[in-house]
Amino acid sequence: MLEKQFRSYYNKAKKMQGVTGENLLNLLETRLDNVVFRLGLASTRRQARQVVRHGHITVNGKRLDIPSAIVSVGDIVAVSEKAKSNAFFKGLSESGTTLTAPAWIEADAANLSGKIVRLPEAADLVDIPVDSQAIVELYSR
């Protein structure tokens, strides 16, 4: 993500109610490419971004190829029917691996999909080693 886009996320987070640092992390965590990564449909965030960009992901049944799209509560993120025949996704489903998802995403390994149950909270973001307060201080100048 480039500086201009990150500043845009900061400005959105600043306008939201609550703590700006947590809002910023929530916005970044609910990006479509990050949700695909968190579901385990890609091994890296770069791969997740490419999977989304190539049109292999649907949100609520409609193909969405914008990695920076923000998903909301109740959205269902899934691999498109056409992409399920792809060797990569076929290997995921045939290997019998369960999708590992954080508590705010309900994963369905059989359908290669996940539902956003709630927005991520501060406790869900523990695995990210970032000092959100330092970011807020830098961008508040």
N, C-alpha and C. Protein backbone atom coordinates (compact mmCIF):
# COMPACT_ATOMS: atom_id res chain seq x y z
N MET A 1 0.84 -1.16 0.00
CA MET A 1 0.00 0.00 0.00
C MET A 1 0.89 1.23 0.00
N LEU A 2 0.51 2.17 -0.80
CA LEU A 2 1.30 3.38 -0.92
C LEU A 2 0.88 4.41 0.14
N GLU A 3 1.70 5.44 0.26
CA GLU A 3 1.50 6.47 1.28
C GLU A 3 0.16 7.19 1.14
N LYS A 4 -0.22 7.50 -0.09
CA LYS A 4 -1.46 8.24 -0.33
C LYS A 4 -2.67 7.43 0.14
N GLN A 5 -2.69 6.15 -0.18
CA GLN A 5 -3.80 5.30 0.23
C GLN A 5 -3.81 5.12 1.75
N PHE A 6 -2.65 4.98 2.36
CA PHE A 6 -2.57 4.83 3.81
C PHE A 6 -3.08 6.09 4.50
N ARG A 7 -2.73 7.26 3.99
CA ARG A 7 -3.21 8.51 4.57
C ARG A 7 -4.73 8.60 4.45
N SER A 8 -5.27 8.10 3.35
CA SER A 8 -6.72 8.08 3.18
C SER A 8 -7.38 7.22 4.26
N TYR A 9 -6.79 6.07 4.55
CA TYR A 9 -7.31 5.21 5.62
C TYR A 9 -7.21 5.91 6.98
N TYR A 10 -6.13 6.64 7.20
CA TYR A 10 -5.97 7.37 8.45
C TYR A 10 -7.06 8.44 8.58
N ASN A 11 -7.33 9.16 7.50
CA ASN A 11 -8.35 10.20 7.54
C ASN A 11 -9.73 9.62 7.81
N LYS A 12 -10.03 8.46 7.23
CA LYS A 12 -11.31 7.78 7.51
C LYS A 12 -11.37 7.37 8.97
N ALA A 13 -10.28 6.82 9.48
CA ALA A 13 -10.24 6.36 10.87
C ALA A 13 -10.39 7.52 11.84
N LYS A 14 -9.84 8.67 11.48
CA LYS A 14 -9.92 9.84 12.34
C LYS A 14 -11.36 10.35 12.45
N LYS A 15 -12.13 10.22 11.36
CA LYS A 15 -13.51 10.69 11.35
C LYS A 15 -14.47 9.73 12.05
N MET A 16 -14.06 8.48 12.24
CA MET A 16 -14.91 7.49 12.90
C MET A 16 -14.92 7.72 14.40
N GLN A 17 -15.97 7.25 15.06
CA GLN A 17 -16.03 7.34 16.51
C GLN A 17 -15.11 6.29 17.11
N GLY A 18 -14.53 6.61 18.25
CA GLY A 18 -13.66 5.67 18.93
C GLY A 18 -12.20 6.08 18.82
N VAL A 19 -11.33 5.14 19.18
CA VAL A 19 -9.89 5.38 19.16
C VAL A 19 -9.38 5.30 17.72
N THR A 20 -8.69 6.33 17.29
CA THR A 20 -8.24 6.42 15.90
C THR A 20 -7.32 5.26 15.51
N GLY A 21 -6.40 4.88 16.39
CA GLY A 21 -5.47 3.79 16.08
C GLY A 21 -6.19 2.47 15.88
N GLU A 22 -7.16 2.17 16.73
CA GLU A 22 -7.93 0.92 16.58
C GLU A 22 -8.79 0.97 15.33
N ASN A 23 -9.38 2.13 15.05
CA ASN A 23 -10.18 2.28 13.83
C ASN A 23 -9.34 2.05 12.58
N LEU A 24 -8.11 2.56 12.59
CA LEU A 24 -7.21 2.38 11.46
C LEU A 24 -6.89 0.90 11.25
N LEU A 25 -6.57 0.22 12.35
CA LEU A 25 -6.28 -1.21 12.23
C LEU A 25 -7.51 -1.99 11.77
N ASN A 26 -8.70 -1.61 12.22
CA ASN A 26 -9.93 -2.27 11.77
C ASN A 26 -10.14 -2.09 10.27
N LEU A 27 -9.92 -0.86 9.79
CA LEU A 27 -10.07 -0.62 8.36
C LEU A 27 -9.10 -1.46 7.55
N LEU A 28 -7.85 -1.52 7.99
CA LEU A 28 -6.85 -2.31 7.27
C LEU A 28 -7.15 -3.81 7.36
N GLU A 29 -7.68 -4.25 8.48
CA GLU A 29 -7.96 -5.67 8.69
C GLU A 29 -9.15 -6.13 7.86
N THR A 30 -10.10 -5.23 7.57
CA THR A 30 -11.30 -5.63 6.83
C THR A 30 -11.18 -5.40 5.32
N ARG A 31 -9.97 -5.11 4.84
CA ARG A 31 -9.77 -5.06 3.39
C ARG A 31 -9.98 -6.47 2.82
N LEU A 32 -10.50 -6.55 1.60
CA LEU A 32 -10.81 -7.84 1.00
C LEU A 32 -9.58 -8.72 0.86
N ASP A 33 -8.44 -8.17 0.44
CA ASP A 33 -7.25 -9.00 0.29
C ASP A 33 -6.79 -9.55 1.64
N ASN A 34 -6.95 -8.79 2.71
CA ASN A 34 -6.56 -9.28 4.03
C ASN A 34 -7.53 -10.36 4.52
N VAL A 35 -8.81 -10.22 4.23
CA VAL A 35 -9.79 -11.23 4.63
C VAL A 35 -9.50 -12.55 3.93
N VAL A 36 -9.15 -12.48 2.64
CA VAL A 36 -8.80 -13.69 1.90
C VAL A 36 -7.58 -14.36 2.52
N PHE A 37 -6.59 -13.55 2.91
CA PHE A 37 -5.41 -14.08 3.58
C PHE A 37 -5.77 -14.70 4.93
N ARG A 38 -6.58 -14.00 5.72
CA ARG A 38 -6.98 -14.50 7.04
C ARG A 38 -7.78 -15.79 6.95
N LEU A 39 -8.56 -15.96 5.88
CA LEU A 39 -9.33 -17.19 5.70
C LEU A 39 -8.44 -18.38 5.35
N GLY A 40 -7.24 -18.11 4.89
CA GLY A 40 -6.34 -19.20 4.50
C GLY A 40 -6.48 -19.57 3.04
N LEU A 41 -7.13 -18.73 2.26
CA LEU A 41 -7.28 -19.00 0.83
C LEU A 41 -6.03 -18.59 0.05
N ALA A 42 -5.09 -17.96 0.74
CA ALA A 42 -3.80 -17.60 0.16
C ALA A 42 -2.76 -17.67 1.27
N SER A 43 -1.54 -18.01 0.91
CA SER A 43 -0.50 -18.18 1.92
C SER A 43 0.18 -16.87 2.31
N THR A 44 0.10 -15.86 1.46
CA THR A 44 0.68 -14.55 1.78
C THR A 44 -0.33 -13.47 1.39
N ARG A 45 -0.11 -12.27 1.89
CA ARG A 45 -0.99 -11.16 1.53
C ARG A 45 -0.82 -10.77 0.06
N ARG A 46 0.38 -10.90 -0.44
CA ARG A 46 0.61 -10.61 -1.87
C ARG A 46 -0.14 -11.60 -2.75
N GLN A 47 -0.12 -12.86 -2.34
CA GLN A 47 -0.85 -13.87 -3.10
C GLN A 47 -2.35 -13.61 -3.00
N ALA A 48 -2.82 -13.21 -1.83
CA ALA A 48 -4.24 -12.91 -1.64
C ALA A 48 -4.65 -11.74 -2.54
N ARG A 49 -3.79 -10.75 -2.63
CA ARG A 49 -4.06 -9.60 -3.49
C ARG A 49 -4.18 -10.03 -4.95
N GLN A 50 -3.30 -10.93 -5.37
CA GLN A 50 -3.33 -11.42 -6.75
C GLN A 50 -4.57 -12.26 -7.01
N VAL A 51 -4.94 -13.10 -6.04
CA VAL A 51 -6.13 -13.94 -6.19
C VAL A 51 -7.37 -13.06 -6.36
N VAL A 52 -7.45 -12.00 -5.57
CA VAL A 52 -8.59 -11.08 -5.69
C VAL A 52 -8.54 -10.36 -7.02
N ARG A 53 -7.38 -9.86 -7.39
CA ARG A 53 -7.21 -9.09 -8.62
C ARG A 53 -7.56 -9.91 -9.87
N HIS A 54 -7.33 -11.20 -9.83
CA HIS A 54 -7.61 -12.06 -10.97
C HIS A 54 -9.08 -12.48 -11.03
N GLY A 55 -9.88 -12.02 -10.08
CA GLY A 55 -11.31 -12.28 -10.13
C GLY A 55 -11.75 -13.62 -9.60
N HIS A 56 -10.95 -14.24 -8.74
CA HIS A 56 -11.31 -15.55 -8.21
C HIS A 56 -12.19 -15.48 -6.97
N ILE A 57 -12.45 -14.28 -6.46
CA ILE A 57 -13.18 -14.11 -5.20
C ILE A 57 -14.51 -13.42 -5.45
N THR A 58 -15.54 -13.89 -4.74
CA THR A 58 -16.84 -13.24 -4.78
C THR A 58 -17.20 -12.74 -3.38
N VAL A 59 -17.94 -11.65 -3.34
CA VAL A 59 -18.47 -11.12 -2.09
C VAL A 59 -19.98 -11.06 -2.26
N ASN A 60 -20.67 -11.81 -1.43
CA ASN A 60 -22.14 -11.93 -1.50
C ASN A 60 -22.60 -12.40 -2.88
N GLY A 61 -21.83 -13.30 -3.48
CA GLY A 61 -22.20 -13.89 -4.76
C GLY A 61 -21.79 -13.10 -5.98
N LYS A 62 -21.23 -11.92 -5.80
CA LYS A 62 -20.81 -11.11 -6.93
C LYS A 62 -19.30 -11.02 -6.97
N ARG A 63 -18.74 -11.16 -8.16
CA ARG A 63 -17.29 -11.11 -8.33
C ARG A 63 -16.78 -9.72 -8.00
N LEU A 64 -15.74 -9.68 -7.20
CA LEU A 64 -15.13 -8.40 -6.81
C LEU A 64 -13.62 -8.53 -6.99
N ASP A 65 -13.05 -7.68 -7.82
CA ASP A 65 -11.62 -7.78 -8.10
C ASP A 65 -10.84 -6.56 -7.61
N ILE A 66 -11.35 -5.91 -6.55
CA ILE A 66 -10.67 -4.75 -5.97
C ILE A 66 -10.14 -5.16 -4.59
N PRO A 67 -8.82 -5.35 -4.47
CA PRO A 67 -8.26 -5.81 -3.20
C PRO A 67 -8.49 -4.87 -2.03
N SER A 68 -8.64 -3.57 -2.28
CA SER A 68 -8.79 -2.62 -1.20
C SER A 68 -10.24 -2.43 -0.76
N ALA A 69 -11.17 -3.18 -1.34
CA ALA A 69 -12.57 -3.06 -0.96
C ALA A 69 -12.74 -3.47 0.50
N ILE A 70 -13.55 -2.73 1.22
CA ILE A 70 -13.78 -3.00 2.64
C ILE A 70 -15.01 -3.89 2.75
N VAL A 71 -14.86 -5.01 3.44
CA VAL A 71 -16.00 -5.89 3.68
C VAL A 71 -16.66 -5.48 4.99
N SER A 72 -17.94 -5.77 5.10
CA SER A 72 -18.66 -5.38 6.31
C SER A 72 -19.30 -6.61 6.95
N VAL A 73 -19.89 -6.40 8.11
CA VAL A 73 -20.51 -7.49 8.85
C VAL A 73 -21.63 -8.10 8.01
N GLY A 74 -21.66 -9.41 7.93
CA GLY A 74 -22.67 -10.12 7.17
C GLY A 74 -22.25 -10.50 5.76
N ASP A 75 -21.15 -9.94 5.28
CA ASP A 75 -20.67 -10.27 3.93
C ASP A 75 -20.12 -11.69 3.89
N ILE A 76 -20.36 -12.36 2.79
CA ILE A 76 -19.84 -13.71 2.58
C ILE A 76 -18.78 -13.64 1.49
N VAL A 77 -17.55 -13.96 1.87
CA VAL A 77 -16.41 -13.96 0.95
C VAL A 77 -16.14 -15.39 0.55
N ALA A 78 -16.16 -15.68 -0.75
CA ALA A 78 -16.00 -17.06 -1.22
C ALA A 78 -15.20 -17.10 -2.50
N VAL A 79 -14.72 -18.28 -2.80
CA VAL A 79 -14.05 -18.53 -4.08
C VAL A 79 -15.14 -18.73 -5.12
N SER A 80 -15.02 -18.11 -6.27
CA SER A 80 -16.04 -18.22 -7.31
C SER A 80 -16.13 -19.66 -7.81
N GLU A 81 -17.28 -20.01 -8.34
CA GLU A 81 -17.51 -21.37 -8.83
C GLU A 81 -16.52 -21.72 -9.95
N LYS A 82 -16.27 -20.77 -10.83
CA LYS A 82 -15.34 -21.00 -11.93
C LYS A 82 -13.92 -21.25 -11.41
N ALA A 83 -13.52 -20.53 -10.36
CA ALA A 83 -12.17 -20.65 -9.82
C ALA A 83 -11.98 -21.93 -9.02
N LYS A 84 -13.06 -22.54 -8.55
CA LYS A 84 -12.92 -23.78 -7.77
C LYS A 84 -12.32 -24.91 -8.60
N SER A 85 -12.44 -24.81 -9.92
CA SER A 85 -11.83 -25.82 -10.79
C SER A 85 -10.35 -25.54 -11.05
N ASN A 86 -9.88 -24.39 -10.62
CA ASN A 86 -8.47 -24.00 -10.72
C ASN A 86 -7.63 -24.98 -9.88
N ALA A 87 -6.46 -25.31 -10.35
CA ALA A 87 -5.61 -26.28 -9.66
C ALA A 87 -5.26 -25.84 -8.24
N PHE A 88 -5.04 -24.56 -8.05
CA PHE A 88 -4.67 -24.06 -6.72
C PHE A 88 -5.81 -24.29 -5.72
N PHE A 89 -7.02 -23.90 -6.07
CA PHE A 89 -8.14 -24.03 -5.15
C PHE A 89 -8.60 -25.49 -5.05
N LYS A 90 -8.43 -26.24 -6.13
CA LYS A 90 -8.77 -27.66 -6.10
C LYS A 90 -7.86 -28.37 -5.10
N GLY A 91 -6.59 -27.99 -5.09
CA GLY A 91 -5.64 -28.55 -4.13
C GLY A 91 -5.99 -28.18 -2.70
N LEU A 92 -6.49 -26.97 -2.49
CA LEU A 92 -6.92 -26.54 -1.16
C LEU A 92 -8.09 -27.37 -0.66
N SER A 93 -9.07 -27.60 -1.52
CA SER A 93 -10.26 -28.32 -1.09
C SER A 93 -10.01 -29.82 -0.97
N GLU A 94 -9.17 -30.38 -1.83
CA GLU A 94 -8.92 -31.82 -1.80
C GLU A 94 -7.96 -32.23 -0.70
N SER A 95 -7.11 -31.30 -0.26
CA SER A 95 -6.14 -31.65 0.78
C SER A 95 -6.81 -31.84 2.13
N GLY A 96 -8.04 -31.38 2.25
CA GLY A 96 -8.76 -31.55 3.50
C GLY A 96 -8.31 -30.62 4.60
N THR A 97 -7.55 -29.60 4.24
CA THR A 97 -7.12 -28.64 5.26
C THR A 97 -8.30 -27.78 5.68
N THR A 98 -8.38 -27.52 6.96
CA THR A 98 -9.43 -26.65 7.46
C THR A 98 -8.96 -25.21 7.32
N LEU A 99 -9.89 -24.36 6.99
CA LEU A 99 -9.56 -22.96 6.87
C LEU A 99 -9.36 -22.38 8.27
N THR A 100 -8.25 -21.72 8.47
CA THR A 100 -7.98 -21.10 9.76
C THR A 100 -8.40 -19.64 9.66
N ALA A 101 -9.32 -19.26 10.50
CA ALA A 101 -9.82 -17.89 10.46
C ALA A 101 -9.87 -17.33 11.87
N PRO A 102 -9.69 -16.02 11.99
CA PRO A 102 -9.81 -15.40 13.31
C PRO A 102 -11.26 -15.46 13.81
N ALA A 103 -11.47 -15.07 15.05
CA ALA A 103 -12.79 -15.20 15.67
C ALA A 103 -13.87 -14.36 14.98
N TRP A 104 -13.49 -13.32 14.29
CA TRP A 104 -14.48 -12.45 13.67
C TRP A 104 -14.92 -12.92 12.28
N ILE A 105 -14.32 -14.03 11.81
CA ILE A 105 -14.71 -14.62 10.53
C ILE A 105 -15.14 -16.06 10.78
N GLU A 106 -16.28 -16.44 10.24
CA GLU A 106 -16.78 -17.82 10.34
C GLU A 106 -16.42 -18.53 9.03
N ALA A 107 -15.49 -19.48 9.12
CA ALA A 107 -14.97 -20.15 7.92
C ALA A 107 -15.78 -21.39 7.58
N ASP A 108 -15.92 -21.65 6.28
CA ASP A 108 -16.60 -22.85 5.78
C ASP A 108 -15.65 -23.51 4.78
N ALA A 109 -14.92 -24.52 5.25
CA ALA A 109 -13.89 -25.16 4.42
C ALA A 109 -14.49 -25.92 3.24
N ALA A 110 -15.67 -26.47 3.41
CA ALA A 110 -16.29 -27.25 2.34
C ALA A 110 -16.60 -26.38 1.13
N ASN A 111 -17.03 -25.16 1.35
CA ASN A 111 -17.38 -24.26 0.25
C ASN A 111 -16.30 -23.24 -0.06
N LEU A 112 -15.16 -23.32 0.63
CA LEU A 112 -14.08 -22.35 0.48
C LEU A 112 -14.63 -20.93 0.62
N SER A 113 -15.28 -20.69 1.74
CA SER A 113 -15.88 -19.38 1.97
C SER A 113 -15.80 -19.00 3.44
N GLY A 114 -16.16 -17.79 3.72
CA GLY A 114 -16.20 -17.30 5.09
C GLY A 114 -17.18 -16.16 5.21
N LYS A 115 -17.79 -16.04 6.38
CA LYS A 115 -18.76 -14.98 6.64
C LYS A 115 -18.19 -14.06 7.71
N ILE A 116 -18.31 -12.76 7.49
CA ILE A 116 -17.85 -11.78 8.47
C ILE A 116 -18.92 -11.70 9.55
N VAL A 117 -18.60 -12.20 10.74
CA VAL A 117 -19.56 -12.26 11.83
C VAL A 117 -19.62 -10.94 12.58
N ARG A 118 -18.48 -10.33 12.79
CA ARG A 118 -18.40 -9.06 13.49
C ARG A 118 -17.12 -8.36 13.06
N LEU A 119 -17.00 -7.11 13.43
CA LEU A 119 -15.78 -6.37 13.13
C LEU A 119 -14.68 -6.80 14.09
N PRO A 120 -13.44 -6.79 13.65
CA PRO A 120 -12.35 -7.18 14.55
C PRO A 120 -12.20 -6.18 15.70
N GLU A 121 -11.87 -6.71 16.86
CA GLU A 121 -11.66 -5.88 18.04
C GLU A 121 -10.17 -5.82 18.33
N ALA A 122 -9.79 -5.02 19.30
CA ALA A 122 -8.38 -4.86 19.65
C ALA A 122 -7.76 -6.19 20.07
N ALA A 123 -8.53 -7.04 20.75
CA ALA A 123 -8.03 -8.34 21.19
C ALA A 123 -7.74 -9.26 20.00
N ASP A 124 -8.45 -9.07 18.89
CA ASP A 124 -8.25 -9.89 17.69
C ASP A 124 -7.00 -9.48 16.93
N LEU A 125 -6.48 -8.30 17.20
CA LEU A 125 -5.35 -7.76 16.45
C LEU A 125 -4.02 -7.93 17.17
N VAL A 126 -3.96 -8.86 18.11
CA VAL A 126 -2.76 -9.05 18.92
C VAL A 126 -1.58 -9.53 18.09
N ASP A 127 -1.83 -10.32 17.06
CA ASP A 127 -0.74 -10.90 16.27
C ASP A 127 -0.04 -9.90 15.36
N ILE A 128 -0.54 -8.68 15.31
CA ILE A 128 0.08 -7.65 14.48
C ILE A 128 1.01 -6.81 15.34
N PRO A 129 2.33 -6.90 15.14
CA PRO A 129 3.26 -6.12 15.96
C PRO A 129 3.38 -4.68 15.46
N VAL A 130 2.39 -3.85 15.82
CA VAL A 130 2.40 -2.47 15.36
C VAL A 130 1.98 -1.56 16.51
N ASP A 131 2.60 -0.41 16.57
CA ASP A 131 2.26 0.58 17.58
C ASP A 131 1.35 1.61 16.91
N SER A 132 0.04 1.39 17.03
CA SER A 132 -0.92 2.27 16.34
C SER A 132 -0.86 3.69 16.87
N GLN A 133 -0.49 3.85 18.14
CA GLN A 133 -0.40 5.20 18.71
C GLN A 133 0.72 6.00 18.03
N ALA A 134 1.82 5.35 17.72
CA ALA A 134 2.92 6.03 17.03
C ALA A 134 2.50 6.46 15.62
N ILE A 135 1.71 5.64 14.97
CA ILE A 135 1.21 5.98 13.62
C ILE A 135 0.29 7.19 13.70
N VAL A 136 -0.60 7.18 14.68
CA VAL A 136 -1.52 8.30 14.85
C VAL A 136 -0.75 9.59 15.14
N GLU A 137 0.26 9.50 15.98
CA GLU A 137 1.07 10.69 16.30
C GLU A 137 1.79 11.23 15.06
N LEU A 138 2.28 10.31 14.22
CA LEU A 138 2.99 10.74 13.01
C LEU A 138 2.04 11.43 12.04
N TYR A 139 0.86 10.87 11.82
CA TYR A 139 -0.06 11.41 10.83
C TYR A 139 -0.88 12.58 11.35
N SER A 140 -0.89 12.84 12.65
CA SER A 140 -1.69 13.94 13.18
C SER A 140 -0.99 15.29 13.04
N ARG A 141 0.20 15.31 12.53
CA ARG A 141 0.94 16.57 12.34
C ARG A 141 0.33 17.41 11.26
